[in-house]
Amino acid sequence: MSPAGQTSASGEGTGFTTCDLFDADETLQSCSLQFRDLGGRARFSGPVRTIRCHRDNGLVKQVLNSSGNGAVLVVDGAGSLDSALMGDLIAAAAVRNGWAGVVINGAIRDRAVMGTLELGVKALGTNPRKSAKDGAGELDVTVEFGGVVFTPGAKLWADEDGILVTPAA
């Protein structure tokens, strides 16, 4: 049974658990970082898009304000909890634009509202401090954290037990 066969065509991925996916295919990468589920959807999947940035969410806002087509945005904020890389307004734009979820190696803000949105959100924590808005960073580059290499176009599955990603080529 392949992981791809267990997710819905819309990318919502409601027909899987990461435990079952890993049992069926142990070549999947498993992220060891302990993310918090902060969105209104705990289970989500889709093709990976990436951003690498530090304390600047200009690119995050730009990308999530564009069509997501069921993708998952993976943001490598270098694990910084000093300022939030996404808030409720950007998350609401992600919902409107068809993103399945966002994984942030960093912090978010507006947690209470974020939890009401139909969006998968995994982040290390929260901080009410805004980030810079200069747009500094890199888009659609390979990023690595938690023992996983996140390559644009790879498939990601996330649920309450963690994050799995197809192996890097």
C-alpha atoms as a PDB file:
ATOM      1  CA  MET A   1       0.000   0.000   0.000  1.00  0.00           C
ATOM      2  CA  SER A   2       1.644   3.259  -1.105  1.00  0.00           C
ATOM      3  CA  PRO A   3       1.369   6.546   0.796  1.00  0.00           C
ATOM      4  CA  ALA A   4       0.228   8.377  -2.300  1.00  0.00           C
ATOM      5  CA  GLY A   5      -2.788   6.108  -2.547  1.00  0.00           C
ATOM      6  CA  GLN A   6      -3.989   7.024   0.916  1.00  0.00           C
ATOM      7  CA  THR A   7      -4.450  10.764   0.526  1.00  0.00           C
ATOM      8  CA  SER A   8      -7.327  12.590  -1.051  1.00  0.00           C
ATOM      9  CA  ALA A   9      -6.897  14.221  -4.433  1.00  0.00           C
ATOM     10  CA  SER A  10      -7.540  17.644  -2.862  1.00  0.00           C
ATOM     11  CA  GLY A  11      -4.436  17.352  -0.707  1.00  0.00           C
ATOM     12  CA  GLU A  12      -6.441  17.411   2.525  1.00  0.00           C
ATOM     13  CA  GLY A  13      -5.140  13.964   3.268  1.00  0.00           C
ATOM     14  CA  THR A  14      -7.881  12.913   5.653  1.00  0.00           C
ATOM     15  CA  GLY A  15      -7.542   9.217   4.815  1.00  0.00           C
ATOM     16  CA  PHE A  16      -4.139   8.553   6.379  1.00  0.00           C
ATOM     17  CA  THR A  17      -2.180   8.414   9.591  1.00  0.00           C
ATOM     18  CA  THR A  18       1.548   9.056   9.568  1.00  0.00           C
ATOM     19  CA  CYS A  19       2.068   5.881  11.622  1.00  0.00           C
ATOM     20  CA  ASP A  20       0.372   3.734   8.982  1.00  0.00           C
ATOM     21  CA  LEU A  21       2.190   5.525   6.175  1.00  0.00           C
ATOM     22  CA  PHE A  22       5.572   4.919   7.803  1.00  0.00           C
ATOM     23  CA  ASP A  23       4.739   1.269   8.509  1.00  0.00           C
ATOM     24  CA  ALA A  24       3.941   0.859   4.808  1.00  0.00           C
ATOM     25  CA  ASP A  25       7.016   2.733   3.568  1.00  0.00           C
ATOM     26  CA  GLU A  26       9.987   3.067   5.913  1.00  0.00           C
ATOM     27  CA  THR A  27      11.912   5.074   3.309  1.00  0.00           C
ATOM     28  CA  LEU A  28       9.808   8.128   4.222  1.00  0.00           C
ATOM     29  CA  GLN A  29      11.691  10.786   6.183  1.00  0.00           C
ATOM     30  CA  SER A  30      10.315  11.421   9.686  1.00  0.00           C
ATOM     31  CA  CYS A  31      10.841  14.865  11.200  1.00  0.00           C
ATOM     32  CA  SER A  32      12.227  14.609  14.738  1.00  0.00           C
ATOM     33  CA  LEU A  33      11.342  18.160  15.821  1.00  0.00           C
ATOM     34  CA  GLN A  34       8.351  18.271  18.139  1.00  0.00           C
ATOM     35  CA  PHE A  35       6.018  20.746  16.454  1.00  0.00           C
ATOM     36  CA  ARG A  36       2.828  22.040  18.023  1.00  0.00           C
ATOM     37  CA  ASP A  37      -0.469  21.716  16.128  1.00  0.00           C
ATOM     38  CA  LEU A  38      -1.758  25.305  16.012  1.00  0.00           C
ATOM     39  CA  GLY A  39      -4.179  25.365  13.084  1.00  0.00           C
ATOM     40  CA  GLY A  40      -7.763  24.234  12.755  1.00  0.00           C
ATOM     41  CA  ARG A  41      -6.745  21.121  10.820  1.00  0.00           C
ATOM     42  CA  ALA A  42      -4.386  18.632  12.485  1.00  0.00           C
ATOM     43  CA  ARG A  43      -4.112  16.308   9.469  1.00  0.00           C
ATOM     44  CA  PHE A  44      -2.936  17.678   6.130  1.00  0.00           C
ATOM     45  CA  SER A  45      -0.764  16.769   3.161  1.00  0.00           C
ATOM     46  CA  GLY A  46       0.420  18.105  -0.143  1.00  0.00           C
ATOM     47  CA  PRO A  47       3.393  18.935  -2.313  1.00  0.00           C
ATOM     48  CA  VAL A  48       6.137  20.961  -0.605  1.00  0.00           C
ATOM     49  CA  ARG A  49       6.990  24.606  -1.303  1.00  0.00           C
ATOM     50  CA  THR A  50       9.777  26.124   0.784  1.00  0.00           C
ATOM     51  CA  ILE A  51      11.030  29.401   2.198  1.00  0.00           C
ATOM     52  CA  ARG A  52      14.199  30.055   4.195  1.00  0.00           C
ATOM     53  CA  CYS A  53      14.012  33.293   6.191  1.00  0.00           C
ATOM     54  CA  HIS A  54      14.986  34.687   9.571  1.00  0.00           C
ATOM     55  CA  ARG A  55      12.681  37.018  11.501  1.00  0.00           C
ATOM     56  CA  ASP A  56      11.201  38.350   8.236  1.00  0.00           C
ATOM     57  CA  ASN A  57       7.862  37.123   6.907  1.00  0.00           C
ATOM     58  CA  GLY A  58       7.647  39.185   3.721  1.00  0.00           C
ATOM     59  CA  LEU A  59       8.119  36.123   1.493  1.00  0.00           C
ATOM     60  CA  VAL A  60       5.701  34.071   3.617  1.00  0.00           C
ATOM     61  CA  LYS A  61       3.001  36.702   3.102  1.00  0.00           C
ATOM     62  CA  GLN A  62       3.738  36.948  -0.630  1.00  0.00           C
ATOM     63  CA  VAL A  63       3.607  33.194  -1.216  1.00  0.00           C
ATOM     64  CA  LEU A  64       0.503  32.488   0.911  1.00  0.00           C
ATOM     65  CA  ASN A  65      -1.303  35.286  -0.937  1.00  0.00           C
ATOM     66  CA  SER A  66      -0.861  33.287  -4.144  1.00  0.00           C
ATOM     67  CA  SER A  67      -2.613  30.121  -5.299  1.00  0.00           C
ATOM     68  CA  GLY A  68      -1.611  27.124  -3.178  1.00  0.00           C
ATOM     69  CA  ASN A  69      -3.310  24.327  -5.109  1.00  0.00           C
ATOM     70  CA  GLY A  70      -3.272  22.089  -2.015  1.00  0.00           C
ATOM     71  CA  ALA A  71       0.448  22.590  -1.301  1.00  0.00           C
ATOM     72  CA  VAL A  72       2.181  22.770   2.071  1.00  0.00           C
ATOM     73  CA  LEU A  73       4.518  25.691   2.709  1.00  0.00           C
ATOM     74  CA  VAL A  74       7.583  24.689   4.742  1.00  0.00           C
ATOM     75  CA  VAL A  75       9.257  27.712   6.335  1.00  0.00           C
ATOM     76  CA  ASP A  76      12.727  27.365   7.808  1.00  0.00           C
ATOM     77  CA  GLY A  77      12.992  30.198  10.302  1.00  0.00           C
ATOM     78  CA  ALA A  78      16.126  28.626  11.829  1.00  0.00           C
ATOM     79  CA  GLY A  79      14.111  27.601  14.892  1.00  0.00           C
ATOM     80  CA  SER A  80      13.878  31.200  16.100  1.00  0.00           C
ATOM     81  CA  LEU A  81      11.104  31.998  18.548  1.00  0.00           C
ATOM     82  CA  ASP A  82      12.107  35.687  18.683  1.00  0.00           C
ATOM     83  CA  SER A  83       9.290  36.837  16.379  1.00  0.00           C
ATOM     84  CA  ALA A  84       6.324  35.315  14.549  1.00  0.00           C
ATOM     85  CA  LEU A  85       6.615  34.333  10.903  1.00  0.00           C
ATOM     86  CA  MET A  86       2.844  34.024  10.378  1.00  0.00           C
ATOM     87  CA  GLY A  87      -0.258  35.520  11.945  1.00  0.00           C
ATOM     88  CA  ASP A  88      -3.990  35.194  11.469  1.00  0.00           C
ATOM     89  CA  LEU A  89      -4.256  37.521   8.444  1.00  0.00           C
ATOM     90  CA  ILE A  90      -1.611  35.655   6.468  1.00  0.00           C
ATOM     91  CA  ALA A  91      -3.117  32.305   7.531  1.00  0.00           C
ATOM     92  CA  ALA A  92      -6.587  33.455   6.416  1.00  0.00           C
ATOM     93  CA  ALA A  93      -5.079  34.353   3.023  1.00  0.00           C
ATOM     94  CA  ALA A  94      -3.607  30.834   2.844  1.00  0.00           C
ATOM     95  CA  VAL A  95      -7.079  29.358   3.399  1.00  0.00           C
ATOM     96  CA  ARG A  96      -8.613  31.610   0.713  1.00  0.00           C
ATOM     97  CA  ASN A  97      -5.861  30.634  -1.719  1.00  0.00           C
ATOM     98  CA  GLY A  98      -6.142  26.860  -1.298  1.00  0.00           C
ATOM     99  CA  TRP A  99      -3.078  25.977   0.792  1.00  0.00           C
ATOM    100  CA  ALA A 100      -3.327  22.688   2.709  1.00  0.00           C
ATOM    101  CA  GLY A 101      -0.953  23.698   5.471  1.00  0.00           C
ATOM    102  CA  VAL A 102       2.117  25.486   6.741  1.00  0.00           C
ATOM    103  CA  VAL A 103       5.039  24.022   8.713  1.00  0.00           C
ATOM    104  CA  ILE A 104       7.160  26.680  10.431  1.00  0.00           C
ATOM    105  CA  ASN A 105      10.511  25.979  12.031  1.00  0.00           C
ATOM    106  CA  GLY A 106       9.879  29.041  14.184  1.00  0.00           C
ATOM    107  CA  ALA A 107       6.959  30.884  15.773  1.00  0.00           C
ATOM    108  CA  ILE A 108       3.477  32.091  14.820  1.00  0.00           C
ATOM    109  CA  ARG A 109       1.150  34.617  16.475  1.00  0.00           C
ATOM    110  CA  ASP A 110      -2.632  34.970  16.838  1.00  0.00           C
ATOM    111  CA  ARG A 111      -2.895  31.378  18.049  1.00  0.00           C
ATOM    112  CA  ALA A 112      -6.555  31.592  19.127  1.00  0.00           C
ATOM    113  CA  VAL A 113      -7.734  32.708  15.685  1.00  0.00           C
ATOM    114  CA  MET A 114      -5.314  30.384  13.909  1.00  0.00           C
ATOM    115  CA  GLY A 115      -6.977  27.426  15.631  1.00  0.00           C
ATOM    116  CA  THR A 116     -10.327  28.299  14.029  1.00  0.00           C
ATOM    117  CA  LEU A 117      -9.039  28.307  10.444  1.00  0.00           C
ATOM    118  CA  GLU A 118      -9.292  25.319   8.084  1.00  0.00           C
ATOM    119  CA  LEU A 119      -5.559  25.177   7.673  1.00  0.00           C
ATOM    120  CA  GLY A 120      -2.932  22.801   8.951  1.00  0.00           C
ATOM    121  CA  VAL A 121      -0.366  24.745  10.973  1.00  0.00           C
ATOM    122  CA  LYS A 122       2.625  23.227  12.722  1.00  0.00           C
ATOM    123  CA  ALA A 123       5.115  25.527  14.429  1.00  0.00           C
ATOM    124  CA  LEU A 124       7.564  25.386  17.315  1.00  0.00           C
ATOM    125  CA  GLY A 125       5.612  27.902  19.378  1.00  0.00           C
ATOM    126  CA  THR A 126       4.120  31.368  19.543  1.00  0.00           C
ATOM    127  CA  ASN A 127       5.298  34.933  20.071  1.00  0.00           C
ATOM    128  CA  PRO A 128       3.177  38.102  19.795  1.00  0.00           C
ATOM    129  CA  ARG A 129       6.143  40.042  18.331  1.00  0.00           C
ATOM    130  CA  LYS A 130       5.840  40.864  14.622  1.00  0.00           C
ATOM    131  CA  SER A 131       8.670  40.058  12.255  1.00  0.00           C
ATOM    132  CA  ALA A 132      10.282  42.332   9.677  1.00  0.00           C
ATOM    133  CA  LYS A 133       8.456  42.718   6.355  1.00  0.00           C
ATOM    134  CA  ASP A 134      11.409  43.276   4.002  1.00  0.00           C
ATOM    135  CA  GLY A 135      11.003  40.054   2.029  1.00  0.00           C
ATOM    136  CA  ALA A 136      14.509  38.849   2.867  1.00  0.00           C
ATOM    137  CA  GLY A 137      14.982  35.131   2.345  1.00  0.00           C
ATOM    138  CA  GLU A 138      14.992  32.401  -0.278  1.00  0.00           C
ATOM    139  CA  LEU A 139      12.034  30.802  -2.063  1.00  0.00           C
ATOM    140  CA  ASP A 140      11.762  27.210  -3.316  1.00  0.00           C
ATOM    141  CA  VAL A 141      15.179  26.111  -2.054  1.00  0.00           C
ATOM    142  CA  THR A 142      16.022  22.871  -0.286  1.00  0.00           C
ATOM    143  CA  VAL A 143      15.818  23.319   3.497  1.00  0.00           C
ATOM    144  CA  GLU A 144      16.758  20.893   6.232  1.00  0.00           C
ATOM    145  CA  PHE A 145      15.690  20.563   9.860  1.00  0.00           C
ATOM    146  CA  GLY A 146      14.628  17.808  12.229  1.00  0.00           C
ATOM    147  CA  GLY A 147      16.645  15.281  10.242  1.00  0.00           C
ATOM    148  CA  VAL A 148      14.519  15.844   7.119  1.00  0.00           C
ATOM    149  CA  VAL A 149      15.472  17.345   3.769  1.00  0.00           C
ATOM    150  CA  PHE A 150      12.492  19.326   2.444  1.00  0.00           C
ATOM    151  CA  THR A 151      12.766  19.594  -1.337  1.00  0.00           C
ATOM    152  CA  PRO A 152      10.287  21.662  -3.349  1.00  0.00           C
ATOM    153  CA  GLY A 153       7.841  19.249  -4.987  1.00  0.00           C
ATOM    154  CA  ALA A 154       8.331  16.457  -2.434  1.00  0.00           C
ATOM    155  CA  LYS A 155       5.181  15.109  -0.766  1.00  0.00           C
ATOM    156  CA  LEU A 156       4.512  15.915   2.907  1.00  0.00           C
ATOM    157  CA  TRP A 157       2.013  14.298   5.283  1.00  0.00           C
ATOM    158  CA  ALA A 158       1.327  15.697   8.762  1.00  0.00           C
ATOM    159  CA  ASP A 159      -0.932  14.660  11.617  1.00  0.00           C
ATOM    160  CA  GLU A 160      -0.977  14.591  15.407  1.00  0.00           C
ATOM    161  CA  ASP A 161       1.959  12.134  15.448  1.00  0.00           C
ATOM    162  CA  GLY A 162       4.327  14.111  13.270  1.00  0.00           C
ATOM    163  CA  ILE A 163       5.550  14.910   9.783  1.00  0.00           C
ATOM    164  CA  LEU A 164       6.640  12.546   7.002  1.00  0.00           C
ATOM    165  CA  VAL A 165       8.234  13.566   3.702  1.00  0.00           C
ATOM    166  CA  THR A 166       9.217  11.628   0.609  1.00  0.00           C
ATOM    167  CA  PRO A 167      12.982  11.081   0.469  1.00  0.00           C
ATOM    168  CA  ALA A 168      15.149  13.601  -1.337  1.00  0.00           C
ATOM    169  CA  ALA A 169      16.182  12.485  -4.806  1.00  0.00           C
END
